[in-house]
C-alpha atoms as a PDB file:
ATOM      1  CA  MET A   1       0.000   0.000   0.000  1.00  0.00           C
ATOM      2  CA  GLN A   2       1.034   3.588  -0.555  1.00  0.00           C
ATOM      3  CA  SER A   3       0.786   6.678   1.609  1.00  0.00           C
ATOM      4  CA  HIS A   4      -1.112   9.634   0.172  1.00  0.00           C
ATOM      5  CA  LEU A   5      -1.029  13.234   1.382  1.00  0.00           C
ATOM      6  CA  VAL A   6      -4.474  14.550   2.289  1.00  0.00           C
ATOM      7  CA  SER A   7      -5.961  17.698   3.741  1.00  0.00           C
ATOM      8  CA  PHE A   8      -9.145  18.458   5.624  1.00  0.00           C
ATOM      9  CA  GLU A   9     -10.443  22.018   5.257  1.00  0.00           C
ATOM     10  CA  TYR A  10     -12.345  23.150   8.349  1.00  0.00           C
ATOM     11  CA  GLY A  11     -13.216  26.760   7.600  1.00  0.00           C
ATOM     12  CA  THR A  12     -10.370  28.746   9.120  1.00  0.00           C
ATOM     13  CA  GLY A  13      -7.578  26.433   8.038  1.00  0.00           C
ATOM     14  CA  SER A  14      -6.736  22.885   7.211  1.00  0.00           C
ATOM     15  CA  VAL A  15      -5.215  19.780   8.721  1.00  0.00           C
ATOM     16  CA  TRP A  16      -2.697  17.790   6.703  1.00  0.00           C
ATOM     17  CA  GLY A  17      -1.710  14.165   7.048  1.00  0.00           C
ATOM     18  CA  TYR A  18      -0.812  10.977   5.225  1.00  0.00           C
ATOM     19  CA  VAL A  19      -3.237   8.124   4.731  1.00  0.00           C
ATOM     20  CA  ILE A  20      -2.086   4.616   3.893  1.00  0.00           C
ATOM     21  CA  ALA A  21      -4.358   3.117   1.253  1.00  0.00           C
ATOM     22  CA  PRO A  22      -4.184   0.920  -1.827  1.00  0.00           C
ATOM     23  CA  SER A  23      -5.515   3.747  -3.999  1.00  0.00           C
ATOM     24  CA  VAL A  24      -6.778   7.323  -4.062  1.00  0.00           C
ATOM     25  CA  GLY A  25     -10.221   5.912  -4.824  1.00  0.00           C
ATOM     26  CA  GLU A  26     -10.193   3.988  -1.552  1.00  0.00           C
ATOM     27  CA  ILE A  27      -9.473   7.208   0.351  1.00  0.00           C
ATOM     28  CA  GLU A  28     -12.205   9.085  -1.502  1.00  0.00           C
ATOM     29  CA  SER A  29     -14.640   6.283  -0.722  1.00  0.00           C
ATOM     30  CA  ARG A  30     -13.823   5.843   2.974  1.00  0.00           C
ATOM     31  CA  LEU A  31     -12.853   9.425   3.875  1.00  0.00           C
ATOM     32  CA  PRO A  32     -14.974  11.725   1.693  1.00  0.00           C
ATOM     33  CA  GLU A  33     -14.238  14.662   4.025  1.00  0.00           C
ATOM     34  CA  VAL A  34     -10.619  14.913   2.881  1.00  0.00           C
ATOM     35  CA  GLU A  35      -8.944  15.957  -0.365  1.00  0.00           C
ATOM     36  CA  VAL A  36      -5.993  14.020  -1.734  1.00  0.00           C
ATOM     37  CA  ALA A  37      -3.104  16.299  -2.705  1.00  0.00           C
ATOM     38  CA  PRO A  38      -0.989  15.439  -5.749  1.00  0.00           C
ATOM     39  CA  ALA A  39       2.110  16.840  -3.981  1.00  0.00           C
ATOM     40  CA  PRO A  40       3.006  18.696  -0.787  1.00  0.00           C
ATOM     41  CA  PRO A  41       2.280  22.430  -0.941  1.00  0.00           C
ATOM     42  CA  GLU A  42       5.298  24.692  -1.449  1.00  0.00           C
ATOM     43  CA  TRP A  43       5.244  25.908   2.164  1.00  0.00           C
ATOM     44  CA  MET A  44       5.540  22.347   3.583  1.00  0.00           C
ATOM     45  CA  THR A  45       9.118  21.488   4.507  1.00  0.00           C
ATOM     46  CA  SER A  46      10.750  18.095   4.129  1.00  0.00           C
ATOM     47  CA  ASP A  47      10.723  17.845   7.939  1.00  0.00           C
ATOM     48  CA  ASP A  48       6.952  18.466   7.910  1.00  0.00           C
ATOM     49  CA  VAL A  49       6.513  15.709   5.324  1.00  0.00           C
ATOM     50  CA  ALA A  50       8.656  13.289   7.333  1.00  0.00           C
ATOM     51  CA  THR A  51       6.707  14.034  10.516  1.00  0.00           C
ATOM     52  CA  LEU A  52       3.363  13.502   8.800  1.00  0.00           C
ATOM     53  CA  GLN A  53       4.545  10.307   7.111  1.00  0.00           C
ATOM     54  CA  SER A  54       5.656   8.926  10.471  1.00  0.00           C
ATOM     55  CA  GLN A  55       2.090   9.486  11.738  1.00  0.00           C
ATOM     56  CA  ALA A  56       0.319   8.032   8.682  1.00  0.00           C
ATOM     57  CA  VAL A  57      -3.169   6.663   9.293  1.00  0.00           C
ATOM     58  CA  ASP A  58      -4.435   3.427   7.728  1.00  0.00           C
ATOM     59  CA  VAL A  59      -7.586   4.079   5.714  1.00  0.00           C
ATOM     60  CA  HIS A  60      -9.059   0.818   7.083  1.00  0.00           C
ATOM     61  CA  GLU A  61      -8.902   1.959  10.730  1.00  0.00           C
ATOM     62  CA  ALA A  62     -12.399   2.341  12.163  1.00  0.00           C
ATOM     63  CA  ASP A  63     -11.498   5.800  13.492  1.00  0.00           C
ATOM     64  CA  ALA A  64      -9.211   6.872  10.608  1.00  0.00           C
ATOM     65  CA  PHE A  65     -10.781  10.313  10.229  1.00  0.00           C
ATOM     66  CA  ASP A  66     -10.554  11.049  13.957  1.00  0.00           C
ATOM     67  CA  LEU A  67      -6.914   9.966  14.009  1.00  0.00           C
ATOM     68  CA  LEU A  68      -6.206  12.141  10.992  1.00  0.00           C
ATOM     69  CA  ILE A  69      -7.554  15.355  12.503  1.00  0.00           C
ATOM     70  CA  ARG A  70      -5.735  15.135  15.818  1.00  0.00           C
ATOM     71  CA  THR A  71      -4.525  18.542  16.942  1.00  0.00           C
ATOM     72  CA  ASP A  72      -0.802  17.684  16.806  1.00  0.00           C
ATOM     73  CA  ARG A  73      -0.848  17.659  13.006  1.00  0.00           C
ATOM     74  CA  ILE A  74       0.353  20.394  10.664  1.00  0.00           C
END
């Protein structure tokens, strides 16, 4: 499985994270609240990416969305 960068827009900002899934379609199906990003935004550093990848959430987790939007994310 691959990890995919996603964001959740909540009105005054967004939460970013990586989701482990076999495909983008699987993410879109199971987590319709998030958008899959084709690449990290320009402002995101390589350290940010590494941190988020180390906290990647499996799309098959029952509470995947809740894990994704934890407050200690970027």
